[in-house]
N, C-alpha and C. Protein backbone atom coordinates (compact mmCIF):
# COMPACT_ATOMS: atom_id res chain seq x y z
N MET A 1 -42.25 25.37 -1.15
CA MET A 1 -41.78 24.80 0.12
C MET A 1 -40.77 23.67 -0.11
N LEU A 2 -40.98 22.89 -1.19
CA LEU A 2 -40.11 21.74 -1.45
C LEU A 2 -38.66 22.19 -1.62
N ARG A 3 -38.46 23.33 -2.31
CA ARG A 3 -37.11 23.82 -2.53
C ARG A 3 -36.44 24.20 -1.21
N ARG A 4 -37.21 24.67 -0.26
CA ARG A 4 -36.65 25.11 1.02
C ARG A 4 -36.28 23.93 1.91
N VAL A 5 -36.94 22.81 1.75
CA VAL A 5 -36.66 21.68 2.64
C VAL A 5 -35.73 20.65 2.03
N ILE A 6 -35.53 20.68 0.70
CA ILE A 6 -34.77 19.61 0.06
C ILE A 6 -33.32 19.55 0.55
N LEU A 7 -32.66 20.73 0.67
CA LEU A 7 -31.26 20.74 1.12
C LEU A 7 -31.13 20.30 2.58
N PRO A 8 -31.93 20.85 3.53
CA PRO A 8 -31.84 20.36 4.91
C PRO A 8 -32.18 18.86 5.02
N LEU A 9 -33.12 18.40 4.18
CA LEU A 9 -33.49 16.99 4.23
C LEU A 9 -32.33 16.10 3.78
N ILE A 10 -31.68 16.50 2.67
CA ILE A 10 -30.53 15.72 2.19
C ILE A 10 -29.41 15.73 3.22
N PHE A 11 -29.15 16.92 3.77
CA PHE A 11 -28.10 17.05 4.78
C PHE A 11 -28.42 16.21 6.01
N GLY A 12 -29.67 16.23 6.43
CA GLY A 12 -30.08 15.47 7.61
C GLY A 12 -29.97 13.97 7.38
N ILE A 13 -30.48 13.49 6.23
CA ILE A 13 -30.42 12.06 5.94
C ILE A 13 -28.97 11.61 5.80
N GLY A 14 -28.15 12.43 5.11
CA GLY A 14 -26.74 12.07 4.94
C GLY A 14 -26.00 11.98 6.26
N GLY A 15 -26.21 12.98 7.13
CA GLY A 15 -25.54 12.96 8.42
C GLY A 15 -25.98 11.78 9.27
N PHE A 16 -27.30 11.49 9.24
CA PHE A 16 -27.82 10.36 10.00
C PHE A 16 -27.21 9.05 9.51
N ALA A 17 -27.09 8.91 8.18
CA ALA A 17 -26.53 7.68 7.61
C ALA A 17 -25.06 7.51 8.00
N VAL A 18 -24.31 8.62 7.97
CA VAL A 18 -22.89 8.54 8.33
C VAL A 18 -22.73 8.15 9.79
N LEU A 19 -23.49 8.76 10.68
CA LEU A 19 -23.37 8.46 12.10
C LEU A 19 -23.81 7.03 12.41
N MET A 20 -24.87 6.56 11.77
CA MET A 20 -25.29 5.17 11.95
C MET A 20 -24.22 4.21 11.43
N GLY A 21 -23.60 4.58 10.30
CA GLY A 21 -22.54 3.74 9.76
C GLY A 21 -21.36 3.63 10.70
N LEU A 22 -21.00 4.74 11.34
CA LEU A 22 -19.91 4.70 12.31
C LEU A 22 -20.26 3.83 13.51
N GLY A 23 -21.53 3.89 13.94
CA GLY A 23 -21.96 3.03 15.05
C GLY A 23 -21.88 1.57 14.68
N LEU A 24 -22.33 1.23 13.47
CA LEU A 24 -22.27 -0.17 13.02
C LEU A 24 -20.83 -0.62 12.86
N TRP A 25 -19.96 0.28 12.40
CA TRP A 25 -18.54 -0.07 12.28
C TRP A 25 -17.94 -0.39 13.65
N GLN A 26 -18.33 0.37 14.67
CA GLN A 26 -17.83 0.09 16.02
C GLN A 26 -18.34 -1.25 16.53
N LEU A 27 -19.57 -1.63 16.16
CA LEU A 27 -20.06 -2.96 16.55
C LEU A 27 -19.26 -4.06 15.88
N GLN A 28 -18.86 -3.82 14.63
CA GLN A 28 -18.00 -4.79 13.95
C GLN A 28 -16.64 -4.88 14.63
N ARG A 29 -16.11 -3.71 15.01
CA ARG A 29 -14.85 -3.71 15.74
C ARG A 29 -14.97 -4.41 17.09
N LEU A 30 -16.13 -4.27 17.73
CA LEU A 30 -16.37 -4.95 19.00
C LEU A 30 -16.30 -6.46 18.83
N ALA A 31 -16.96 -6.97 17.78
CA ALA A 31 -16.94 -8.41 17.53
C ALA A 31 -15.51 -8.88 17.25
N TRP A 32 -14.76 -8.08 16.47
CA TRP A 32 -13.37 -8.43 16.18
C TRP A 32 -12.54 -8.45 17.46
N LYS A 33 -12.70 -7.41 18.30
CA LYS A 33 -11.89 -7.32 19.52
C LYS A 33 -12.22 -8.45 20.48
N GLU A 34 -13.50 -8.80 20.58
CA GLU A 34 -13.88 -9.91 21.46
C GLU A 34 -13.25 -11.22 20.97
N GLY A 35 -13.15 -11.38 19.65
CA GLY A 35 -12.49 -12.56 19.12
C GLY A 35 -11.02 -12.59 19.46
N VAL A 36 -10.36 -11.42 19.35
CA VAL A 36 -8.94 -11.33 19.69
C VAL A 36 -8.72 -11.65 21.17
N LEU A 37 -9.56 -11.09 22.03
CA LEU A 37 -9.43 -11.34 23.47
C LEU A 37 -9.66 -12.81 23.80
N ALA A 38 -10.61 -13.42 23.10
CA ALA A 38 -10.86 -14.85 23.32
C ALA A 38 -9.64 -15.68 22.94
N GLU A 39 -8.98 -15.30 21.84
CA GLU A 39 -7.77 -16.02 21.42
C GLU A 39 -6.66 -15.84 22.44
N ILE A 40 -6.52 -14.60 22.97
CA ILE A 40 -5.48 -14.36 23.97
C ILE A 40 -5.77 -15.15 25.25
N ASP A 41 -7.04 -15.16 25.68
CA ASP A 41 -7.40 -15.93 26.88
C ASP A 41 -7.09 -17.41 26.69
N ALA A 42 -7.39 -17.93 25.50
CA ALA A 42 -7.12 -19.34 25.23
C ALA A 42 -5.62 -19.61 25.27
N ARG A 43 -4.83 -18.68 24.75
CA ARG A 43 -3.38 -18.88 24.76
C ARG A 43 -2.82 -18.79 26.17
N ILE A 44 -3.30 -17.81 26.93
CA ILE A 44 -2.82 -17.65 28.30
C ILE A 44 -3.04 -18.91 29.11
N GLY A 45 -4.20 -19.53 28.93
CA GLY A 45 -4.54 -20.70 29.73
C GLY A 45 -4.10 -22.03 29.17
N SER A 46 -3.37 -22.04 28.06
CA SER A 46 -2.94 -23.31 27.47
C SER A 46 -1.79 -23.91 28.26
N ALA A 47 -1.42 -25.13 27.91
CA ALA A 47 -0.38 -25.85 28.64
C ALA A 47 0.97 -25.16 28.47
N PRO A 48 1.73 -25.00 29.56
CA PRO A 48 3.03 -24.32 29.47
C PRO A 48 4.05 -25.16 28.72
N VAL A 49 4.97 -24.45 28.07
CA VAL A 49 6.04 -25.11 27.32
C VAL A 49 7.38 -24.61 27.86
N ALA A 50 8.45 -25.21 27.36
CA ALA A 50 9.78 -24.75 27.76
C ALA A 50 10.04 -23.35 27.20
N LEU A 51 10.87 -22.59 27.86
CA LEU A 51 11.20 -21.25 27.44
C LEU A 51 11.88 -21.29 26.07
N PRO A 52 11.35 -20.54 25.08
CA PRO A 52 11.98 -20.54 23.75
C PRO A 52 13.42 -20.06 23.82
N ALA A 53 14.22 -20.51 22.86
CA ALA A 53 15.63 -20.14 22.84
C ALA A 53 15.81 -18.64 22.63
N ALA A 54 14.96 -18.06 21.78
CA ALA A 54 15.05 -16.62 21.50
C ALA A 54 13.64 -16.05 21.47
N PRO A 55 13.06 -15.78 22.63
CA PRO A 55 11.68 -15.28 22.67
C PRO A 55 11.50 -13.99 21.88
N ASP A 56 10.39 -13.91 21.16
CA ASP A 56 10.08 -12.73 20.36
C ASP A 56 8.91 -11.99 20.99
N ALA A 57 9.05 -10.67 21.12
CA ALA A 57 8.04 -9.87 21.82
C ALA A 57 6.69 -9.91 21.13
N ALA A 58 6.66 -10.12 19.83
CA ALA A 58 5.38 -10.17 19.11
C ALA A 58 4.85 -11.60 19.04
N ALA A 59 5.68 -12.52 18.58
CA ALA A 59 5.22 -13.88 18.37
C ALA A 59 4.97 -14.64 19.67
N ASP A 60 5.72 -14.31 20.73
CA ASP A 60 5.63 -15.09 21.96
C ASP A 60 4.93 -14.36 23.11
N ARG A 61 4.28 -13.24 22.81
CA ARG A 61 3.56 -12.53 23.87
C ARG A 61 2.46 -13.44 24.44
N TYR A 62 2.38 -13.52 25.75
CA TYR A 62 1.41 -14.32 26.51
C TYR A 62 1.69 -15.82 26.45
N LEU A 63 2.79 -16.24 25.84
CA LEU A 63 3.09 -17.67 25.75
C LEU A 63 3.25 -18.27 27.14
N PRO A 64 2.52 -19.35 27.48
CA PRO A 64 2.71 -20.00 28.78
C PRO A 64 4.02 -20.79 28.79
N VAL A 65 4.81 -20.60 29.82
CA VAL A 65 6.10 -21.28 29.92
C VAL A 65 6.28 -21.82 31.33
N VAL A 66 7.20 -22.76 31.45
CA VAL A 66 7.62 -23.25 32.76
C VAL A 66 9.14 -23.17 32.81
N VAL A 67 9.66 -22.60 33.90
CA VAL A 67 11.11 -22.49 34.08
C VAL A 67 11.46 -23.01 35.47
N ARG A 68 12.60 -23.66 35.55
CA ARG A 68 13.09 -24.19 36.82
C ARG A 68 14.48 -23.64 37.08
N GLY A 69 14.72 -23.28 38.32
CA GLY A 69 16.01 -22.72 38.65
C GLY A 69 16.06 -22.13 40.04
N VAL A 70 16.85 -21.07 40.20
CA VAL A 70 17.12 -20.50 41.52
C VAL A 70 17.06 -18.97 41.44
N PHE A 71 16.40 -18.37 42.42
CA PHE A 71 16.45 -16.91 42.57
C PHE A 71 17.81 -16.55 43.18
N ASP A 72 18.48 -15.55 42.58
CA ASP A 72 19.80 -15.21 43.11
C ASP A 72 19.73 -14.11 44.17
N GLY A 73 18.55 -13.57 44.42
CA GLY A 73 18.39 -12.59 45.49
C GLY A 73 18.29 -11.15 45.03
N THR A 74 18.66 -10.86 43.78
CA THR A 74 18.54 -9.48 43.29
C THR A 74 17.15 -9.29 42.67
N GLU A 75 16.54 -8.16 43.00
CA GLU A 75 15.22 -7.88 42.44
C GLU A 75 14.93 -6.39 42.49
N LEU A 76 13.91 -6.02 41.73
CA LEU A 76 13.46 -4.63 41.64
C LEU A 76 12.06 -4.50 42.18
N ARG A 77 11.73 -3.31 42.64
CA ARG A 77 10.37 -3.03 43.12
C ARG A 77 9.72 -2.05 42.15
N VAL A 78 8.54 -2.43 41.65
CA VAL A 78 7.78 -1.56 40.75
C VAL A 78 6.51 -1.13 41.48
N LEU A 79 6.34 0.15 41.67
CA LEU A 79 5.19 0.66 42.41
C LEU A 79 3.89 0.30 41.69
N ALA A 80 2.94 -0.26 42.43
CA ALA A 80 1.68 -0.71 41.85
C ALA A 80 0.62 -0.65 42.93
N SER A 81 -0.56 -1.12 42.59
CA SER A 81 -1.65 -1.22 43.56
C SER A 81 -2.67 -2.21 43.04
N SER A 82 -3.48 -2.72 43.94
CA SER A 82 -4.57 -3.62 43.56
C SER A 82 -5.73 -3.42 44.52
N ARG A 83 -6.88 -3.89 44.12
CA ARG A 83 -8.07 -3.77 44.95
C ARG A 83 -7.91 -4.54 46.25
N ASP A 84 -7.20 -5.65 46.20
CA ASP A 84 -7.06 -6.50 47.40
C ASP A 84 -5.96 -6.02 48.34
N THR A 85 -4.84 -5.58 47.77
CA THR A 85 -3.69 -5.26 48.62
C THR A 85 -3.50 -3.77 48.84
N GLY A 86 -4.14 -2.94 48.04
CA GLY A 86 -3.87 -1.50 48.11
C GLY A 86 -2.50 -1.21 47.51
N ALA A 87 -1.80 -0.24 48.09
CA ALA A 87 -0.47 0.10 47.59
C ALA A 87 0.46 -1.09 47.76
N ALA A 88 1.21 -1.39 46.70
CA ALA A 88 2.06 -2.58 46.73
C ALA A 88 3.21 -2.39 45.75
N TYR A 89 4.13 -3.33 45.82
CA TYR A 89 5.23 -3.39 44.85
C TYR A 89 5.09 -4.65 44.02
N ARG A 90 5.31 -4.52 42.72
CA ARG A 90 5.54 -5.71 41.91
C ARG A 90 7.01 -6.08 42.09
N MET A 91 7.24 -7.32 42.50
CA MET A 91 8.60 -7.76 42.76
C MET A 91 9.14 -8.46 41.50
N ILE A 92 10.14 -7.85 40.88
CA ILE A 92 10.74 -8.38 39.65
C ILE A 92 12.12 -8.92 40.01
N ALA A 93 12.28 -10.23 39.93
CA ALA A 93 13.49 -10.87 40.42
C ALA A 93 14.28 -11.51 39.29
N ALA A 94 15.61 -11.53 39.48
CA ALA A 94 16.48 -12.27 38.57
C ALA A 94 16.41 -13.75 38.91
N PHE A 95 16.38 -14.58 37.88
CA PHE A 95 16.19 -16.02 38.07
C PHE A 95 17.17 -16.76 37.18
N ASP A 96 18.01 -17.59 37.80
CA ASP A 96 18.97 -18.41 37.06
C ASP A 96 18.36 -19.78 36.80
N THR A 97 18.13 -20.08 35.53
CA THR A 97 17.46 -21.34 35.19
C THR A 97 18.45 -22.50 35.24
N ASP A 98 17.88 -23.71 35.32
CA ASP A 98 18.71 -24.91 35.39
C ASP A 98 19.52 -25.13 34.12
N ASP A 99 19.07 -24.54 33.02
CA ASP A 99 19.81 -24.73 31.76
C ASP A 99 20.74 -23.56 31.45
N GLY A 100 21.08 -22.78 32.48
CA GLY A 100 22.12 -21.77 32.32
C GLY A 100 21.68 -20.41 31.82
N ARG A 101 20.41 -20.15 31.82
CA ARG A 101 19.93 -18.83 31.38
C ARG A 101 19.60 -17.96 32.59
N ARG A 102 19.41 -16.69 32.32
CA ARG A 102 19.10 -15.74 33.40
C ARG A 102 17.99 -14.82 32.90
N VAL A 103 16.83 -14.91 33.52
CA VAL A 103 15.65 -14.18 33.06
C VAL A 103 15.02 -13.42 34.22
N LEU A 104 14.03 -12.62 33.89
CA LEU A 104 13.27 -11.87 34.89
C LEU A 104 12.00 -12.63 35.26
N ILE A 105 11.68 -12.64 36.55
CA ILE A 105 10.43 -13.23 37.02
C ILE A 105 9.63 -12.15 37.75
N ASP A 106 8.41 -11.92 37.27
CA ASP A 106 7.49 -11.05 38.01
C ASP A 106 6.83 -11.92 39.07
N ARG A 107 7.31 -11.82 40.32
CA ARG A 107 6.83 -12.71 41.38
C ARG A 107 5.43 -12.37 41.85
N GLY A 108 4.98 -11.14 41.58
CA GLY A 108 3.65 -10.73 42.02
C GLY A 108 3.72 -9.52 42.93
N LEU A 109 2.63 -9.31 43.67
CA LEU A 109 2.49 -8.12 44.49
C LEU A 109 2.88 -8.37 45.95
N LEU A 110 3.57 -7.39 46.50
CA LEU A 110 3.94 -7.41 47.92
C LEU A 110 3.47 -6.08 48.51
N PRO A 111 2.52 -6.10 49.49
CA PRO A 111 2.07 -4.84 50.10
C PRO A 111 3.26 -4.03 50.60
N VAL A 112 3.16 -2.71 50.49
CA VAL A 112 4.30 -1.86 50.84
C VAL A 112 4.71 -2.01 52.30
N GLU A 113 3.76 -2.35 53.15
CA GLU A 113 4.09 -2.48 54.57
C GLU A 113 4.65 -3.85 54.93
N THR A 114 4.66 -4.77 53.98
CA THR A 114 5.16 -6.13 54.25
C THR A 114 6.64 -6.21 53.93
N PRO A 115 7.47 -6.58 54.89
CA PRO A 115 8.91 -6.69 54.59
C PRO A 115 9.16 -7.84 53.62
N PRO A 116 10.06 -7.66 52.66
CA PRO A 116 10.35 -8.73 51.70
C PRO A 116 11.04 -9.90 52.38
N VAL A 117 10.79 -11.08 51.86
CA VAL A 117 11.43 -12.30 52.35
C VAL A 117 12.71 -12.53 51.56
N PRO A 118 13.81 -12.86 52.21
CA PRO A 118 15.04 -13.16 51.47
C PRO A 118 14.81 -14.32 50.50
N ILE A 119 15.23 -14.12 49.25
CA ILE A 119 14.98 -15.16 48.25
C ILE A 119 16.28 -15.71 47.66
N ALA A 120 17.41 -15.21 48.08
CA ALA A 120 18.69 -15.66 47.52
C ALA A 120 18.86 -17.16 47.74
N GLY A 121 19.17 -17.86 46.66
CA GLY A 121 19.41 -19.30 46.74
C GLY A 121 18.16 -20.15 46.80
N GLN A 122 16.98 -19.55 46.70
CA GLN A 122 15.73 -20.30 46.77
C GLN A 122 15.43 -20.93 45.41
N ALA A 123 15.34 -22.26 45.40
CA ALA A 123 15.00 -22.98 44.17
C ALA A 123 13.49 -22.97 43.98
N ALA A 124 13.05 -22.90 42.73
CA ALA A 124 11.62 -22.84 42.46
C ALA A 124 11.34 -23.30 41.04
N THR A 125 10.10 -23.72 40.84
CA THR A 125 9.56 -23.98 39.51
C THR A 125 8.47 -22.95 39.26
N VAL A 126 8.65 -22.17 38.23
CA VAL A 126 7.73 -21.07 37.94
C VAL A 126 6.94 -21.37 36.67
N VAL A 127 5.64 -21.32 36.80
CA VAL A 127 4.76 -21.42 35.63
C VAL A 127 4.13 -20.04 35.43
N GLY A 128 4.24 -19.51 34.23
CA GLY A 128 3.70 -18.18 33.97
C GLY A 128 3.62 -17.91 32.49
N ASN A 129 3.55 -16.63 32.16
CA ASN A 129 3.39 -16.22 30.76
C ASN A 129 4.44 -15.17 30.41
N LEU A 130 4.99 -15.30 29.22
CA LEU A 130 5.90 -14.28 28.72
C LEU A 130 5.10 -13.01 28.42
N HIS A 131 5.68 -11.88 28.75
CA HIS A 131 4.99 -10.62 28.47
C HIS A 131 6.01 -9.49 28.39
N TRP A 132 5.71 -8.53 27.54
CA TRP A 132 6.50 -7.31 27.40
C TRP A 132 5.54 -6.15 27.62
N PRO A 133 5.24 -5.80 28.87
CA PRO A 133 4.23 -4.76 29.15
C PRO A 133 4.59 -3.43 28.51
N ASP A 134 3.57 -2.76 28.00
CA ASP A 134 3.73 -1.43 27.41
C ASP A 134 3.20 -0.41 28.42
N GLU A 135 4.05 -0.03 29.37
CA GLU A 135 3.62 0.82 30.48
C GLU A 135 4.33 2.17 30.51
N ILE A 136 5.21 2.40 29.58
CA ILE A 136 6.00 3.63 29.59
C ILE A 136 5.35 4.68 28.69
N ASP A 137 5.18 5.89 29.22
CA ASP A 137 4.76 7.01 28.39
C ASP A 137 5.54 8.25 28.82
N SER A 138 5.19 9.39 28.25
CA SER A 138 5.95 10.61 28.52
C SER A 138 5.80 11.09 29.96
N TYR A 139 4.81 10.58 30.67
CA TYR A 139 4.57 11.01 32.06
C TYR A 139 5.21 10.07 33.08
N THR A 140 5.80 8.97 32.63
CA THR A 140 6.37 8.00 33.55
C THR A 140 7.70 8.52 34.10
N PRO A 141 7.82 8.65 35.42
CA PRO A 141 9.09 9.12 35.98
C PRO A 141 10.19 8.07 35.77
N PRO A 142 11.43 8.50 35.68
CA PRO A 142 12.53 7.53 35.61
C PRO A 142 12.64 6.79 36.94
N PRO A 143 13.19 5.60 36.92
CA PRO A 143 13.32 4.85 38.18
C PRO A 143 14.24 5.56 39.17
N ASP A 144 13.91 5.40 40.45
CA ASP A 144 14.75 5.91 41.53
C ASP A 144 15.70 4.78 41.92
N LEU A 145 16.85 4.75 41.28
CA LEU A 145 17.76 3.63 41.46
C LEU A 145 18.32 3.57 42.88
N SER A 146 18.47 4.71 43.53
CA SER A 146 19.00 4.71 44.89
C SER A 146 18.04 4.03 45.86
N ALA A 147 16.73 4.12 45.58
CA ALA A 147 15.72 3.49 46.43
C ALA A 147 15.24 2.17 45.84
N ASN A 148 15.84 1.77 44.71
CA ASN A 148 15.41 0.55 44.02
C ASN A 148 13.90 0.58 43.76
N LEU A 149 13.42 1.73 43.29
CA LEU A 149 11.99 1.90 43.06
C LEU A 149 11.74 2.30 41.61
N TRP A 150 10.90 1.50 40.93
CA TRP A 150 10.54 1.75 39.55
C TRP A 150 9.05 2.09 39.49
N PHE A 151 8.66 2.77 38.41
CA PHE A 151 7.29 3.23 38.29
C PHE A 151 6.55 2.59 37.11
N ALA A 152 7.22 1.72 36.41
CA ALA A 152 6.61 0.96 35.31
C ALA A 152 7.54 -0.20 34.99
N ARG A 153 6.97 -1.23 34.37
CA ARG A 153 7.79 -2.37 33.97
C ARG A 153 8.35 -2.11 32.57
N ASP A 154 9.62 -1.83 32.54
CA ASP A 154 10.36 -1.60 31.30
C ASP A 154 11.33 -2.77 31.15
N VAL A 155 10.94 -3.77 30.36
CA VAL A 155 11.70 -5.02 30.32
C VAL A 155 13.16 -4.81 29.92
N PRO A 156 13.46 -4.11 28.83
CA PRO A 156 14.88 -3.93 28.49
C PRO A 156 15.69 -3.24 29.59
N ALA A 157 15.10 -2.20 30.19
CA ALA A 157 15.83 -1.47 31.24
C ALA A 157 16.00 -2.33 32.48
N MET A 158 14.97 -3.07 32.86
CA MET A 158 15.08 -3.93 34.04
C MET A 158 16.09 -5.05 33.80
N ALA A 159 16.09 -5.59 32.58
CA ALA A 159 17.04 -6.65 32.25
C ALA A 159 18.48 -6.13 32.34
N GLU A 160 18.69 -4.90 31.86
CA GLU A 160 20.03 -4.32 31.95
C GLU A 160 20.43 -4.11 33.40
N ALA A 161 19.49 -3.67 34.23
CA ALA A 161 19.80 -3.40 35.63
C ALA A 161 20.15 -4.66 36.40
N LEU A 162 19.49 -5.77 36.06
CA LEU A 162 19.72 -7.02 36.79
C LEU A 162 20.62 -8.00 36.03
N GLY A 163 21.08 -7.62 34.84
CA GLY A 163 21.98 -8.47 34.09
C GLY A 163 21.34 -9.75 33.59
N THR A 164 20.11 -9.63 33.06
CA THR A 164 19.40 -10.80 32.56
C THR A 164 19.09 -10.62 31.07
N GLU A 165 18.55 -11.67 30.47
CA GLU A 165 17.97 -11.54 29.15
C GLU A 165 16.75 -10.60 29.24
N PRO A 166 16.41 -9.91 28.15
CA PRO A 166 15.21 -9.07 28.16
C PRO A 166 13.95 -9.93 28.02
N VAL A 167 13.77 -10.82 28.98
CA VAL A 167 12.67 -11.78 28.97
C VAL A 167 12.01 -11.74 30.35
N LEU A 168 10.69 -11.47 30.36
CA LEU A 168 9.95 -11.40 31.61
C LEU A 168 8.89 -12.49 31.65
N VAL A 169 8.94 -13.30 32.69
CA VAL A 169 7.90 -14.31 32.94
C VAL A 169 7.04 -13.81 34.09
N ILE A 170 5.77 -13.57 33.81
CA ILE A 170 4.85 -13.16 34.86
C ILE A 170 4.29 -14.42 35.51
N ALA A 171 4.62 -14.63 36.75
CA ALA A 171 4.31 -15.89 37.43
C ALA A 171 2.81 -16.09 37.58
N ARG A 172 2.39 -17.31 37.30
CA ARG A 172 1.03 -17.76 37.63
C ARG A 172 1.08 -18.59 38.90
N THR A 173 2.05 -19.46 38.97
CA THR A 173 2.30 -20.22 40.19
C THR A 173 3.80 -20.32 40.40
N ILE A 174 4.21 -20.36 41.65
CA ILE A 174 5.61 -20.56 42.00
C ILE A 174 5.66 -21.73 42.97
N ASP A 175 6.19 -22.83 42.49
CA ASP A 175 6.30 -24.04 43.31
C ASP A 175 7.66 -24.00 44.00
N GLY A 176 7.63 -23.67 45.28
CA GLY A 176 8.86 -23.54 46.03
C GLY A 176 8.53 -22.98 47.40
N PRO A 177 9.49 -22.34 48.04
CA PRO A 177 9.24 -21.77 49.38
C PRO A 177 8.28 -20.59 49.29
N ASP A 178 7.70 -20.23 50.41
CA ASP A 178 6.81 -19.08 50.48
C ASP A 178 7.66 -17.81 50.34
N LEU A 179 7.45 -17.09 49.23
CA LEU A 179 8.24 -15.90 48.95
C LEU A 179 7.46 -14.61 49.21
N ALA A 180 6.35 -14.73 49.94
CA ALA A 180 5.55 -13.60 50.43
C ALA A 180 4.72 -12.91 49.36
N ALA A 181 5.29 -12.60 48.22
CA ALA A 181 4.54 -11.89 47.18
C ALA A 181 3.41 -12.77 46.64
N GLN A 182 2.30 -12.15 46.29
CA GLN A 182 1.14 -12.85 45.74
C GLN A 182 1.19 -12.76 44.22
N PRO A 183 1.35 -13.90 43.53
CA PRO A 183 1.38 -13.85 42.06
C PRO A 183 0.16 -13.13 41.49
N LEU A 184 0.40 -12.35 40.46
CA LEU A 184 -0.66 -11.62 39.77
C LEU A 184 -0.58 -12.01 38.30
N PRO A 185 -1.24 -13.12 37.94
CA PRO A 185 -1.10 -13.64 36.57
C PRO A 185 -1.56 -12.66 35.51
N VAL A 186 -0.99 -12.77 34.34
CA VAL A 186 -1.39 -11.94 33.22
C VAL A 186 -2.79 -12.36 32.76
N ASP A 187 -3.61 -11.39 32.39
CA ASP A 187 -4.93 -11.68 31.83
C ASP A 187 -5.30 -10.55 30.88
N THR A 188 -6.53 -10.59 30.36
CA THR A 188 -6.94 -9.61 29.35
C THR A 188 -7.70 -8.43 29.95
N ARG A 189 -7.81 -8.35 31.26
CA ARG A 189 -8.62 -7.28 31.86
C ARG A 189 -8.06 -5.90 31.58
N ASP A 190 -6.74 -5.79 31.39
CA ASP A 190 -6.14 -4.48 31.17
C ASP A 190 -6.06 -4.10 29.69
N ILE A 191 -6.52 -4.99 28.82
CA ILE A 191 -6.53 -4.68 27.39
C ILE A 191 -7.81 -3.90 27.08
N PRO A 192 -7.72 -2.66 26.62
CA PRO A 192 -8.94 -1.85 26.43
C PRO A 192 -9.85 -2.43 25.36
N ASN A 193 -11.15 -2.35 25.63
CA ASN A 193 -12.17 -2.77 24.67
C ASN A 193 -13.36 -1.83 24.84
N ASN A 194 -13.27 -0.66 24.22
CA ASN A 194 -14.27 0.39 24.41
C ASN A 194 -15.22 0.53 23.24
N HIS A 195 -15.22 -0.45 22.34
CA HIS A 195 -15.99 -0.29 21.10
C HIS A 195 -17.50 -0.21 21.35
N LEU A 196 -18.01 -0.90 22.35
CA LEU A 196 -19.45 -0.82 22.63
C LEU A 196 -19.82 0.60 23.06
N GLY A 197 -19.01 1.20 23.90
CA GLY A 197 -19.27 2.57 24.33
C GLY A 197 -19.22 3.54 23.16
N TYR A 198 -18.24 3.34 22.27
CA TYR A 198 -18.17 4.21 21.09
C TYR A 198 -19.40 4.03 20.21
N ALA A 199 -19.85 2.78 20.05
CA ALA A 199 -21.03 2.53 19.23
C ALA A 199 -22.26 3.24 19.80
N VAL A 200 -22.42 3.16 21.11
CA VAL A 200 -23.56 3.83 21.76
C VAL A 200 -23.48 5.34 21.52
N GLN A 201 -22.28 5.90 21.60
CA GLN A 201 -22.12 7.33 21.36
C GLN A 201 -22.52 7.71 19.94
N TRP A 202 -22.06 6.94 18.94
CA TRP A 202 -22.41 7.25 17.55
C TRP A 202 -23.90 7.11 17.31
N PHE A 203 -24.51 6.05 17.85
CA PHE A 203 -25.96 5.87 17.67
C PHE A 203 -26.72 7.00 18.35
N GLY A 204 -26.25 7.42 19.53
CA GLY A 204 -26.89 8.53 20.22
C GLY A 204 -26.80 9.82 19.42
N MET A 205 -25.62 10.06 18.82
CA MET A 205 -25.46 11.25 17.99
C MET A 205 -26.36 11.18 16.76
N ALA A 206 -26.55 9.96 16.21
CA ALA A 206 -27.44 9.80 15.05
C ALA A 206 -28.87 10.16 15.42
N LEU A 207 -29.31 9.73 16.60
CA LEU A 207 -30.67 10.06 17.03
C LEU A 207 -30.84 11.56 17.25
N VAL A 208 -29.81 12.19 17.86
CA VAL A 208 -29.86 13.63 18.05
C VAL A 208 -29.91 14.35 16.70
N TRP A 209 -29.09 13.88 15.77
CA TRP A 209 -29.07 14.47 14.43
C TRP A 209 -30.43 14.35 13.76
N ALA A 210 -31.04 13.16 13.88
CA ALA A 210 -32.37 12.97 13.29
C ALA A 210 -33.39 13.89 13.94
N GLY A 211 -33.33 14.02 15.26
CA GLY A 211 -34.26 14.91 15.95
C GLY A 211 -34.09 16.35 15.53
N MET A 212 -32.83 16.80 15.39
CA MET A 212 -32.57 18.17 14.97
C MET A 212 -33.06 18.41 13.55
N THR A 213 -32.91 17.39 12.68
CA THR A 213 -33.38 17.52 11.30
C THR A 213 -34.90 17.66 11.25
N VAL A 214 -35.58 16.81 12.03
CA VAL A 214 -37.04 16.88 12.07
C VAL A 214 -37.50 18.24 12.59
N PHE A 215 -36.81 18.71 13.63
CA PHE A 215 -37.18 20.02 14.20
C PHE A 215 -36.96 21.14 13.18
N LEU A 216 -35.86 21.09 12.44
CA LEU A 216 -35.58 22.11 11.44
C LEU A 216 -36.62 22.09 10.34
N LEU A 217 -36.99 20.91 9.88
CA LEU A 217 -38.02 20.80 8.84
C LEU A 217 -39.36 21.34 9.34
N TRP A 218 -39.66 21.06 10.60
CA TRP A 218 -40.91 21.57 11.18
C TRP A 218 -40.91 23.09 11.22
N ARG A 219 -39.74 23.67 11.59
CA ARG A 219 -39.64 25.14 11.63
C ARG A 219 -39.82 25.74 10.24
N ILE A 220 -39.19 25.10 9.23
CA ILE A 220 -39.32 25.61 7.86
C ILE A 220 -40.76 25.55 7.38
N ARG A 221 -41.40 24.41 7.68
CA ARG A 221 -42.81 24.27 7.27
C ARG A 221 -43.69 25.32 7.97
N ARG A 222 -43.42 25.56 9.25
CA ARG A 222 -44.22 26.50 10.01
C ARG A 222 -44.07 27.92 9.44
N ARG A 223 -42.81 28.28 9.10
CA ARG A 223 -42.60 29.61 8.56
C ARG A 223 -43.25 29.77 7.19
N THR A 224 -43.21 28.67 6.42
CA THR A 224 -43.82 28.74 5.09
C THR A 224 -45.32 28.92 5.17
N ASN A 225 -45.93 28.22 6.13
CA ASN A 225 -47.38 28.32 6.29
C ASN A 225 -47.78 29.67 6.89
């Protein structure tokens, strides 16, 4: 009987060990990801600084900044939605800073049924975070330029369309006139963190594997007897 069970037993123990190891690895990844998210949250909420001379998409992602200047009135609409507003547009506006630069400001969400407020010549102080959203994939439609409607935030393309630097400040607060749109500050809620779910799946598979191994050994023993 020992010869008949030794191979299934080795196979069962080995498979169980591998699946448990994958589950533990996902728990380690979970701890790492939570640390990364905590660092990003801390950076997002830190004191704003002046806009860097040459912002870098990697080094300056989520950097809190403050810019002062004037909206020139040109802006883009990016189709979006939220739990509070439903269907809405993200309003991406060109902003001429007091120190002679021209950048993009994500002013926030404007419900589709709400008419936009004229913003040309409106002076404002914007506190927000630099961001280069990764929203483009093979399924993203190209922008409908005739309707001024975009389907994702593509910083280089939007900057080219509005004649600005490829720099996007997602507004946290806008100190100035009421511009209708509701700021939607950057946060970590949209950064995926599925490692706990993966760990549960691997541990569940390990238990199933162990159960199947026990059942197989029982069947072998029964046939032998």
